[in-house]
């Protein structure tokens, strides 16, 4: 029996069954089927349309709220900026007042001939443990230009005098347009020093420790001892001679195969209070390059 014959028989049987049924109930049944199929779908579309309208309204409210929040943030930010500007201005005024006080102390340094003195305040300290103990960026008093090289001194109230704080870094190492100083506690700092009591010459070097520096190349039979005052030797012009540096904390005796002794020094320089400083530079005749 072929497929075409079977299909024809099925269609004929379907027609006979439909012909035997009353037309009215058949139409009614079809209408009910259509109603139950289409009505929920229409209601669903209607509900979806209502929800879409609510969502659209919610998005509109959300965007309006965001705009208002943005305007509020801008207003707050502007207020903060104005407060910060006022604080910076107040800070600079305070620094300038402190620098005026320091200026009255500078004449004590005038006995060191052939030097110029510039007053400066710390404006910026780079973050990070190494940088914090090594670098500070300076602003000249009342906007004055600072020299590109020279020693940096800090006033030490206990001695009523200036002590060594570091040296100016080259112009190519400026940060954000500020000239910067390398503090004597920095791991890259070194200067020739002398033990005031014995006259022994050695090299002082920072080790990145805010409260301690090392003195190297002391004579093997050094007479240096705890409590000895150390000053700059001036044998190289990183700092003028005779500027106080600190006090020896301990001396390490050399081993038999070592050629030099070593000591550790507590600097007078106070890293936590480095705010106003004096930059000491070699005096240059007018018209000569510094």
C-alpha atoms as a PDB file:
ATOM      1  CA  UNK A   1       0.000   0.000   0.000  1.00  0.00           C
ATOM      2  CA  UNK A   2       1.529   3.269  -1.102  1.00  0.00           C
ATOM      3  CA  UNK A   3       1.939   6.379   1.027  1.00  0.00           C
ATOM      4  CA  UNK A   4      -0.271   8.451  -1.316  1.00  0.00           C
ATOM      5  CA  UNK A   5      -3.152   6.010  -0.897  1.00  0.00           C
ATOM      6  CA  UNK A   6      -2.881   6.099   2.913  1.00  0.00           C
ATOM      7  CA  UNK A   7      -2.815   9.934   2.922  1.00  0.00           C
ATOM      8  CA  UNK A   8      -5.889  10.086   0.675  1.00  0.00           C
ATOM      9  CA  UNK A   9      -7.754   7.654   2.923  1.00  0.00           C
ATOM     10  CA  UNK A  10      -6.961   9.679   6.037  1.00  0.00           C
ATOM     11  CA  UNK A  11      -8.107  12.935   4.428  1.00  0.00           C
ATOM     12  CA  UNK A  12     -11.351  11.296   3.225  1.00  0.00           C
ATOM     13  CA  UNK A  13     -12.072   9.937   6.691  1.00  0.00           C
ATOM     14  CA  UNK A  14     -11.461  13.391   8.220  1.00  0.00           C
ATOM     15  CA  UNK A  15     -13.899  14.984   5.770  1.00  0.00           C
ATOM     16  CA  UNK A  16     -16.598  12.380   6.580  1.00  0.00           C
ATOM     17  CA  UNK A  17     -16.201  13.027  10.336  1.00  0.00           C
ATOM     18  CA  UNK A  18     -16.395  16.826   9.858  1.00  0.00           C
ATOM     19  CA  UNK A  19     -19.473  16.452   7.659  1.00  0.00           C
ATOM     20  CA  UNK A  20     -21.198  14.374  10.305  1.00  0.00           C
ATOM     21  CA  UNK A  21     -20.647  16.982  13.045  1.00  0.00           C
ATOM     22  CA  UNK A  22     -23.115  19.845  13.606  1.00  0.00           C
ATOM     23  CA  UNK A  23     -21.697  23.161  12.302  1.00  0.00           C
ATOM     24  CA  UNK A  24     -22.796  25.307  15.275  1.00  0.00           C
ATOM     25  CA  UNK A  25     -20.981  23.403  18.018  1.00  0.00           C
ATOM     26  CA  UNK A  26     -17.918  23.137  15.813  1.00  0.00           C
ATOM     27  CA  UNK A  27     -17.736  26.913  15.314  1.00  0.00           C
ATOM     28  CA  UNK A  28     -18.381  27.454  19.047  1.00  0.00           C
ATOM     29  CA  UNK A  29     -15.569  25.067  19.926  1.00  0.00           C
ATOM     30  CA  UNK A  30     -13.200  26.811  17.548  1.00  0.00           C
ATOM     31  CA  UNK A  31     -14.130  30.200  19.059  1.00  0.00           C
ATOM     32  CA  UNK A  32     -13.468  28.909  22.582  1.00  0.00           C
ATOM     33  CA  UNK A  33     -10.122  27.502  21.546  1.00  0.00           C
ATOM     34  CA  UNK A  34      -9.160  30.768  19.861  1.00  0.00           C
ATOM     35  CA  UNK A  35     -10.368  32.791  22.899  1.00  0.00           C
ATOM     36  CA  UNK A  36      -8.345  30.757  25.377  1.00  0.00           C
ATOM     37  CA  UNK A  37      -5.286  30.925  23.141  1.00  0.00           C
ATOM     38  CA  UNK A  38      -5.419  34.608  22.258  1.00  0.00           C
ATOM     39  CA  UNK A  39      -6.890  36.261  25.404  1.00  0.00           C
ATOM     40  CA  UNK A  40      -4.004  35.395  27.799  1.00  0.00           C
ATOM     41  CA  UNK A  41      -1.510  36.523  25.170  1.00  0.00           C
ATOM     42  CA  UNK A  42      -3.333  39.860  24.765  1.00  0.00           C
ATOM     43  CA  UNK A  43      -3.464  40.313  28.544  1.00  0.00           C
ATOM     44  CA  UNK A  44       0.215  39.478  28.775  1.00  0.00           C
ATOM     45  CA  UNK A  45       1.021  42.089  26.102  1.00  0.00           C
ATOM     46  CA  UNK A  46      -1.111  44.639  27.970  1.00  0.00           C
ATOM     47  CA  UNK A  47       0.642  43.906  31.265  1.00  0.00           C
ATOM     48  CA  UNK A  48       4.027  44.035  29.540  1.00  0.00           C
ATOM     49  CA  UNK A  49       3.133  47.421  28.066  1.00  0.00           C
ATOM     50  CA  UNK A  50       2.185  48.731  31.523  1.00  0.00           C
ATOM     51  CA  UNK A  51       5.426  47.391  33.033  1.00  0.00           C
ATOM     52  CA  UNK A  52       7.436  48.873  30.159  1.00  0.00           C
ATOM     53  CA  UNK A  53       5.841  52.250  30.838  1.00  0.00           C
ATOM     54  CA  UNK A  54       6.737  51.965  34.535  1.00  0.00           C
ATOM     55  CA  UNK A  55      10.297  50.900  33.666  1.00  0.00           C
ATOM     56  CA  UNK A  56      10.642  53.831  31.281  1.00  0.00           C
ATOM     57  CA  UNK A  57       9.423  56.170  34.014  1.00  0.00           C
ATOM     58  CA  UNK A  58      11.856  54.573  36.507  1.00  0.00           C
ATOM     59  CA  UNK A  59      14.787  54.995  34.091  1.00  0.00           C
ATOM     60  CA  UNK A  60      13.818  58.634  33.586  1.00  0.00           C
ATOM     61  CA  UNK A  61      13.738  59.143  37.371  1.00  0.00           C
ATOM     62  CA  UNK A  62      17.080  57.341  37.696  1.00  0.00           C
ATOM     63  CA  UNK A  63      18.771  59.520  35.066  1.00  0.00           C
ATOM     64  CA  UNK A  64      17.313  62.652  36.688  1.00  0.00           C
ATOM     65  CA  UNK A  65      18.632  61.487  40.071  1.00  0.00           C
ATOM     66  CA  UNK A  66      22.041  60.806  38.549  1.00  0.00           C
ATOM     67  CA  UNK A  67      22.156  64.290  37.057  1.00  0.00           C
ATOM     68  CA  UNK A  68      21.195  65.811  40.401  1.00  0.00           C
ATOM     69  CA  UNK A  69      23.791  63.661  42.182  1.00  0.00           C
ATOM     70  CA  UNK A  70      26.448  64.701  39.652  1.00  0.00           C
ATOM     71  CA  UNK A  71      25.598  68.370  40.183  1.00  0.00           C
ATOM     72  CA  UNK A  72      25.747  67.839  43.949  1.00  0.00           C
ATOM     73  CA  UNK A  73      29.127  66.129  43.670  1.00  0.00           C
ATOM     74  CA  UNK A  74      30.473  68.962  41.535  1.00  0.00           C
ATOM     75  CA  UNK A  75      29.231  71.444  44.087  1.00  0.00           C
ATOM     76  CA  UNK A  76      30.833  69.496  46.947  1.00  0.00           C
ATOM     77  CA  UNK A  77      34.053  69.056  44.942  1.00  0.00           C
ATOM     78  CA  UNK A  78      34.160  72.772  44.200  1.00  0.00           C
ATOM     79  CA  UNK A  79      33.619  73.469  47.886  1.00  0.00           C
ATOM     80  CA  UNK A  80      36.436  71.075  48.781  1.00  0.00           C
ATOM     81  CA  UNK A  81      38.740  72.670  46.208  1.00  0.00           C
ATOM     82  CA  UNK A  82      37.989  76.113  47.575  1.00  0.00           C
ATOM     83  CA  UNK A  83      38.608  74.861  51.125  1.00  0.00           C
ATOM     84  CA  UNK A  84      41.822  73.178  49.992  1.00  0.00           C
ATOM     85  CA  UNK A  85      42.984  76.325  48.227  1.00  0.00           C
ATOM     86  CA  UNK A  86      42.285  78.327  51.379  1.00  0.00           C
ATOM     87  CA  UNK A  87      44.156  75.732  53.446  1.00  0.00           C
ATOM     88  CA  UNK A  88      47.146  75.800  51.073  1.00  0.00           C
ATOM     89  CA  UNK A  89      47.141  79.605  51.181  1.00  0.00           C
ATOM     90  CA  UNK A  90      46.981  79.511  54.977  1.00  0.00           C
ATOM     91  CA  UNK A  91      49.736  76.879  55.039  1.00  0.00           C
ATOM     92  CA  UNK A  92      51.965  78.941  52.772  1.00  0.00           C
ATOM     93  CA  UNK A  93      51.328  82.015  54.915  1.00  0.00           C
ATOM     94  CA  UNK A  94      52.314  79.962  57.960  1.00  0.00           C
ATOM     95  CA  UNK A  95      55.457  78.747  56.200  1.00  0.00           C
ATOM     96  CA  UNK A  96      56.349  82.292  55.204  1.00  0.00           C
ATOM     97  CA  UNK A  97      55.920  83.439  58.812  1.00  0.00           C
ATOM     98  CA  UNK A  98      58.169  80.572  59.973  1.00  0.00           C
ATOM     99  CA  UNK A  99      60.684  81.468  57.273  1.00  0.00           C
ATOM    100  CA  UNK A 100      60.725  85.044  58.546  1.00  0.00           C
ATOM    101  CA  UNK A 101      61.662  83.698  61.978  1.00  0.00           C
ATOM    102  CA  UNK A 102      64.353  81.531  60.385  1.00  0.00           C
ATOM    103  CA  UNK A 103      65.667  84.523  58.459  1.00  0.00           C
ATOM    104  CA  UNK A 104      66.480  86.167  61.762  1.00  0.00           C
ATOM    105  CA  UNK A 105      68.717  83.184  62.581  1.00  0.00           C
ATOM    106  CA  UNK A 106      70.597  83.126  59.286  1.00  0.00           C
ATOM    107  CA  UNK A 107      73.058  85.907  60.257  1.00  0.00           C
ATOM    108  CA  UNK A 108      74.708  83.301  62.505  1.00  0.00           C
ATOM    109  CA  UNK A 109      75.767  81.596  59.258  1.00  0.00           C
ATOM    110  CA  UNK A 110      77.093  84.769  57.665  1.00  0.00           C
ATOM    111  CA  UNK A 111      80.481  84.113  59.243  1.00  0.00           C
ATOM    112  CA  UNK A 112      80.916  81.425  56.555  1.00  0.00           C
ATOM    113  CA  UNK A 113      82.262  83.627  53.783  1.00  0.00           C
ATOM    114  CA  UNK A 114      81.595  83.210  50.083  1.00  0.00           C
ATOM    115  CA  UNK A 115      78.162  81.621  50.536  1.00  0.00           C
ATOM    116  CA  UNK A 116      74.628  82.580  49.587  1.00  0.00           C
ATOM    117  CA  UNK A 117      71.608  81.602  51.672  1.00  0.00           C
ATOM    118  CA  UNK A 118      68.088  80.912  50.405  1.00  0.00           C
ATOM    119  CA  UNK A 119      65.091  80.248  52.629  1.00  0.00           C
ATOM    120  CA  UNK A 120      62.754  77.434  51.564  1.00  0.00           C
ATOM    121  CA  UNK A 121      59.755  75.455  52.811  1.00  0.00           C
ATOM    122  CA  UNK A 122      58.933  71.814  52.100  1.00  0.00           C
ATOM    123  CA  UNK A 123      55.998  71.674  49.656  1.00  0.00           C
ATOM    124  CA  UNK A 124      55.869  68.011  48.707  1.00  0.00           C
ATOM    125  CA  UNK A 125      57.038  64.652  50.065  1.00  0.00           C
ATOM    126  CA  UNK A 126      56.876  61.657  47.688  1.00  0.00           C
ATOM    127  CA  UNK A 127      55.091  58.604  49.088  1.00  0.00           C
ATOM    128  CA  UNK A 128      56.798  55.290  49.822  1.00  0.00           C
ATOM    129  CA  UNK A 129      59.164  54.339  52.641  1.00  0.00           C
ATOM    130  CA  UNK A 130      62.319  54.871  50.580  1.00  0.00           C
ATOM    131  CA  UNK A 131      61.192  58.216  49.139  1.00  0.00           C
ATOM    132  CA  UNK A 132      59.858  59.504  52.471  1.00  0.00           C
ATOM    133  CA  UNK A 133      63.296  59.076  54.062  1.00  0.00           C
ATOM    134  CA  UNK A 134      65.146  60.376  50.998  1.00  0.00           C
ATOM    135  CA  UNK A 135      63.442  63.222  49.134  1.00  0.00           C
ATOM    136  CA  UNK A 136      61.608  66.449  49.908  1.00  0.00           C
ATOM    137  CA  UNK A 137      60.592  69.075  47.347  1.00  0.00           C
ATOM    138  CA  UNK A 138      61.012  72.733  48.233  1.00  0.00           C
ATOM    139  CA  UNK A 139      59.384  76.096  47.555  1.00  0.00           C
ATOM    140  CA  UNK A 140      61.446  79.250  47.825  1.00  0.00           C
ATOM    141  CA  UNK A 141      60.284  81.827  50.353  1.00  0.00           C
ATOM    142  CA  UNK A 142      57.566  83.989  48.739  1.00  0.00           C
ATOM    143  CA  UNK A 143      58.170  82.331  45.369  1.00  0.00           C
ATOM    144  CA  UNK A 144      61.922  83.052  45.233  1.00  0.00           C
ATOM    145  CA  UNK A 145      64.022  80.860  42.942  1.00  0.00           C
ATOM    146  CA  UNK A 146      66.191  78.263  44.662  1.00  0.00           C
ATOM    147  CA  UNK A 147      69.732  77.410  43.542  1.00  0.00           C
ATOM    148  CA  UNK A 148      70.223  74.257  41.501  1.00  0.00           C
ATOM    149  CA  UNK A 149      72.885  72.961  43.878  1.00  0.00           C
ATOM    150  CA  UNK A 150      73.952  73.471  47.451  1.00  0.00           C
ATOM    151  CA  UNK A 151      73.704  72.085  50.973  1.00  0.00           C
ATOM    152  CA  UNK A 152      70.404  72.129  52.863  1.00  0.00           C
ATOM    153  CA  UNK A 153      70.378  73.014  56.565  1.00  0.00           C
ATOM    154  CA  UNK A 154      67.723  72.676  59.255  1.00  0.00           C
ATOM    155  CA  UNK A 155      67.529  74.762  62.414  1.00  0.00           C
ATOM    156  CA  UNK A 156      68.099  72.638  65.531  1.00  0.00           C
ATOM    157  CA  UNK A 157      66.676  74.377  68.622  1.00  0.00           C
ATOM    158  CA  UNK A 158      68.686  72.313  71.149  1.00  0.00           C
ATOM    159  CA  UNK A 159      71.922  73.633  69.640  1.00  0.00           C
ATOM    160  CA  UNK A 160      70.417  77.014  68.710  1.00  0.00           C
ATOM    161  CA  UNK A 161      72.131  76.538  65.375  1.00  0.00           C
ATOM    162  CA  UNK A 162      71.750  75.002  61.933  1.00  0.00           C
ATOM    163  CA  UNK A 163      72.548  71.353  61.245  1.00  0.00           C
ATOM    164  CA  UNK A 164      72.990  69.391  58.031  1.00  0.00           C
ATOM    165  CA  UNK A 165      69.755  68.165  56.428  1.00  0.00           C
ATOM    166  CA  UNK A 166      70.876  67.145  52.925  1.00  0.00           C
ATOM    167  CA  UNK A 167      71.720  68.597  49.532  1.00  0.00           C
ATOM    168  CA  UNK A 168      69.898  69.957  46.488  1.00  0.00           C
ATOM    169  CA  UNK A 169      69.241  67.528  43.653  1.00  0.00           C
ATOM    170  CA  UNK A 170      70.087  68.439  40.026  1.00  0.00           C
ATOM    171  CA  UNK A 171      67.473  70.286  37.984  1.00  0.00           C
ATOM    172  CA  UNK A 172      66.684  67.168  35.918  1.00  0.00           C
ATOM    173  CA  UNK A 173      65.421  65.494  39.102  1.00  0.00           C
ATOM    174  CA  UNK A 174      62.723  68.091  39.760  1.00  0.00           C
ATOM    175  CA  UNK A 175      59.275  66.706  40.620  1.00  0.00           C
ATOM    176  CA  UNK A 176      56.201  68.547  39.381  1.00  0.00           C
ATOM    177  CA  UNK A 177      58.224  71.702  38.761  1.00  0.00           C
ATOM    178  CA  UNK A 178      59.616  71.734  42.325  1.00  0.00           C
ATOM    179  CA  UNK A 179      63.320  71.654  43.087  1.00  0.00           C
ATOM    180  CA  UNK A 180      64.006  68.812  45.488  1.00  0.00           C
ATOM    181  CA  UNK A 181      66.521  67.994  48.189  1.00  0.00           C
ATOM    182  CA  UNK A 182      68.097  64.646  48.942  1.00  0.00           C
ATOM    183  CA  UNK A 183      67.953  64.158  52.703  1.00  0.00           C
ATOM    184  CA  UNK A 184      71.032  62.852  54.493  1.00  0.00           C
ATOM    185  CA  UNK A 185      69.045  59.809  55.648  1.00  0.00           C
ATOM    186  CA  UNK A 186      68.522  58.715  52.019  1.00  0.00           C
ATOM    187  CA  UNK A 187      70.352  55.619  50.807  1.00  0.00           C
ATOM    188  CA  UNK A 188      72.063  57.579  47.989  1.00  0.00           C
ATOM    189  CA  UNK A 189      73.410  60.418  50.153  1.00  0.00           C
ATOM    190  CA  UNK A 190      77.053  60.664  51.244  1.00  0.00           C
ATOM    191  CA  UNK A 191      79.313  63.448  52.537  1.00  0.00           C
ATOM    192  CA  UNK A 192      82.798  63.737  54.013  1.00  0.00           C
ATOM    193  CA  UNK A 193      82.703  64.313  57.785  1.00  0.00           C
ATOM    194  CA  UNK A 194      85.111  64.817  60.668  1.00  0.00           C
ATOM    195  CA  UNK A 195      84.990  63.614  64.261  1.00  0.00           C
ATOM    196  CA  UNK A 196      85.162  66.945  66.098  1.00  0.00           C
ATOM    197  CA  UNK A 197      87.118  65.638  69.115  1.00  0.00           C
ATOM    198  CA  UNK A 198      89.724  63.546  67.274  1.00  0.00           C
ATOM    199  CA  UNK A 199      89.843  65.279  63.881  1.00  0.00           C
ATOM    200  CA  UNK A 200      89.503  61.950  62.082  1.00  0.00           C
ATOM    201  CA  UNK A 201      88.073  62.182  58.539  1.00  0.00           C
ATOM    202  CA  UNK A 202      85.556  59.634  57.268  1.00  0.00           C
ATOM    203  CA  UNK A 203      82.615  59.217  54.907  1.00  0.00           C
ATOM    204  CA  UNK A 204      79.074  59.492  56.190  1.00  0.00           C
ATOM    205  CA  UNK A 205      76.411  57.642  54.198  1.00  0.00           C
ATOM    206  CA  UNK A 206      72.643  57.415  54.516  1.00  0.00           C
ATOM    207  CA  UNK A 207      71.091  53.950  54.734  1.00  0.00           C
ATOM    208  CA  UNK A 208      67.399  54.797  54.317  1.00  0.00           C
ATOM    209  CA  UNK A 209      66.855  54.730  58.083  1.00  0.00           C
ATOM    210  CA  UNK A 210      65.271  57.969  59.413  1.00  0.00           C
ATOM    211  CA  UNK A 211      67.076  57.723  62.754  1.00  0.00           C
ATOM    212  CA  UNK A 212      70.517  56.467  61.807  1.00  0.00           C
ATOM    213  CA  UNK A 213      73.343  56.910  59.287  1.00  0.00           C
ATOM    214  CA  UNK A 214      76.651  55.078  58.952  1.00  0.00           C
ATOM    215  CA  UNK A 215      80.191  56.465  59.095  1.00  0.00           C
ATOM    216  CA  UNK A 216      82.647  54.463  57.019  1.00  0.00           C
ATOM    217  CA  UNK A 217      86.416  54.515  56.428  1.00  0.00           C
ATOM    218  CA  UNK A 218      87.383  55.522  59.952  1.00  0.00           C
ATOM    219  CA  UNK A 219      91.016  54.680  60.765  1.00  0.00           C
ATOM    220  CA  UNK A 220      91.438  51.118  61.968  1.00  0.00           C
ATOM    221  CA  UNK A 221      92.758  52.440  65.294  1.00  0.00           C
ATOM    222  CA  UNK A 222      90.106  55.157  65.487  1.00  0.00           C
ATOM    223  CA  UNK A 223      89.685  56.954  68.798  1.00  0.00           C
ATOM    224  CA  UNK A 224      86.057  57.789  68.042  1.00  0.00           C
ATOM    225  CA  UNK A 225      83.624  56.845  70.762  1.00  0.00           C
ATOM    226  CA  UNK A 226      79.959  57.068  71.647  1.00  0.00           C
ATOM    227  CA  UNK A 227      78.813  60.662  72.164  1.00  0.00           C
ATOM    228  CA  UNK A 228      81.423  62.259  69.856  1.00  0.00           C
ATOM    229  CA  UNK A 229      80.049  65.131  67.756  1.00  0.00           C
ATOM    230  CA  UNK A 230      80.431  64.802  63.975  1.00  0.00           C
ATOM    231  CA  UNK A 231      80.644  67.818  61.642  1.00  0.00           C
ATOM    232  CA  UNK A 232      81.062  68.273  57.895  1.00  0.00           C
ATOM    233  CA  UNK A 233      84.693  68.207  56.763  1.00  0.00           C
ATOM    234  CA  UNK A 234      84.254  70.374  53.662  1.00  0.00           C
ATOM    235  CA  UNK A 235      86.810  68.382  51.666  1.00  0.00           C
ATOM    236  CA  UNK A 236      84.264  68.115  48.839  1.00  0.00           C
ATOM    237  CA  UNK A 237      81.700  70.870  48.281  1.00  0.00           C
ATOM    238  CA  UNK A 238      78.561  69.010  49.149  1.00  0.00           C
ATOM    239  CA  UNK A 239      78.406  71.091  52.328  1.00  0.00           C
ATOM    240  CA  UNK A 240      80.608  73.800  53.890  1.00  0.00           C
ATOM    241  CA  UNK A 241      82.966  72.681  56.645  1.00  0.00           C
ATOM    242  CA  UNK A 242      81.970  72.799  60.290  1.00  0.00           C
ATOM    243  CA  UNK A 243      78.210  72.169  59.987  1.00  0.00           C
ATOM    244  CA  UNK A 244      76.999  69.874  62.781  1.00  0.00           C
ATOM    245  CA  UNK A 245      75.719  66.486  61.572  1.00  0.00           C
ATOM    246  CA  UNK A 246      75.029  64.384  64.663  1.00  0.00           C
ATOM    247  CA  UNK A 247      76.379  62.314  67.525  1.00  0.00           C
ATOM    248  CA  UNK A 248      78.045  58.888  67.319  1.00  0.00           C
ATOM    249  CA  UNK A 249      75.801  56.180  68.791  1.00  0.00           C
ATOM    250  CA  UNK A 250      78.184  53.209  68.545  1.00  0.00           C
ATOM    251  CA  UNK A 251      81.564  52.276  67.046  1.00  0.00           C
ATOM    252  CA  UNK A 252      82.201  48.889  65.462  1.00  0.00           C
ATOM    253  CA  UNK A 253      85.754  47.624  65.909  1.00  0.00           C
ATOM    254  CA  UNK A 254      87.200  46.221  62.662  1.00  0.00           C
ATOM    255  CA  UNK A 255      88.004  42.540  62.284  1.00  0.00           C
ATOM    256  CA  UNK A 256      91.678  41.616  61.712  1.00  0.00           C
ATOM    257  CA  UNK A 257      91.196  41.453  57.923  1.00  0.00           C
ATOM    258  CA  UNK A 258      89.333  44.804  57.676  1.00  0.00           C
ATOM    259  CA  UNK A 259      91.222  48.000  56.884  1.00  0.00           C
ATOM    260  CA  UNK A 260      88.775  50.495  58.391  1.00  0.00           C
ATOM    261  CA  UNK A 261      86.490  50.915  61.379  1.00  0.00           C
ATOM    262  CA  UNK A 262      82.846  51.866  61.156  1.00  0.00           C
ATOM    263  CA  UNK A 263      80.439  53.804  63.355  1.00  0.00           C
ATOM    264  CA  UNK A 264      76.732  54.581  63.477  1.00  0.00           C
ATOM    265  CA  UNK A 265      75.524  58.124  63.992  1.00  0.00           C
ATOM    266  CA  UNK A 266      72.271  59.625  65.248  1.00  0.00           C
ATOM    267  CA  UNK A 267      71.762  62.717  63.063  1.00  0.00           C
ATOM    268  CA  UNK A 268      70.541  65.983  64.519  1.00  0.00           C
ATOM    269  CA  UNK A 269      68.361  66.255  61.428  1.00  0.00           C
ATOM    270  CA  UNK A 270      64.730  65.560  62.340  1.00  0.00           C
ATOM    271  CA  UNK A 271      62.998  63.863  59.435  1.00  0.00           C
ATOM    272  CA  UNK A 272      59.536  64.214  60.991  1.00  0.00           C
ATOM    273  CA  UNK A 273      59.890  67.988  61.398  1.00  0.00           C
ATOM    274  CA  UNK A 274      61.517  68.989  58.139  1.00  0.00           C
ATOM    275  CA  UNK A 275      59.365  71.976  57.153  1.00  0.00           C
ATOM    276  CA  UNK A 276      61.519  75.092  56.779  1.00  0.00           C
ATOM    277  CA  UNK A 277      65.142  74.870  55.652  1.00  0.00           C
ATOM    278  CA  UNK A 278      68.032  77.017  54.434  1.00  0.00           C
ATOM    279  CA  UNK A 279      69.787  76.260  51.138  1.00  0.00           C
ATOM    280  CA  UNK A 280      73.479  77.177  51.266  1.00  0.00           C
ATOM    281  CA  UNK A 281      75.160  77.662  47.891  1.00  0.00           C
ATOM    282  CA  UNK A 282      78.511  78.953  46.742  1.00  0.00           C
ATOM    283  CA  UNK A 283      78.506  82.687  46.051  1.00  0.00           C
ATOM    284  CA  UNK A 284      78.942  83.575  42.377  1.00  0.00           C
ATOM    285  CA  UNK A 285      79.926  86.932  40.985  1.00  0.00           C
ATOM    286  CA  UNK A 286      77.210  88.796  39.083  1.00  0.00           C
ATOM    287  CA  UNK A 287      76.923  87.567  35.519  1.00  0.00           C
ATOM    288  CA  UNK A 288      78.538  84.204  36.135  1.00  0.00           C
ATOM    289  CA  UNK A 289      76.679  80.975  35.761  1.00  0.00           C
ATOM    290  CA  UNK A 290      75.611  79.183  38.892  1.00  0.00           C
END
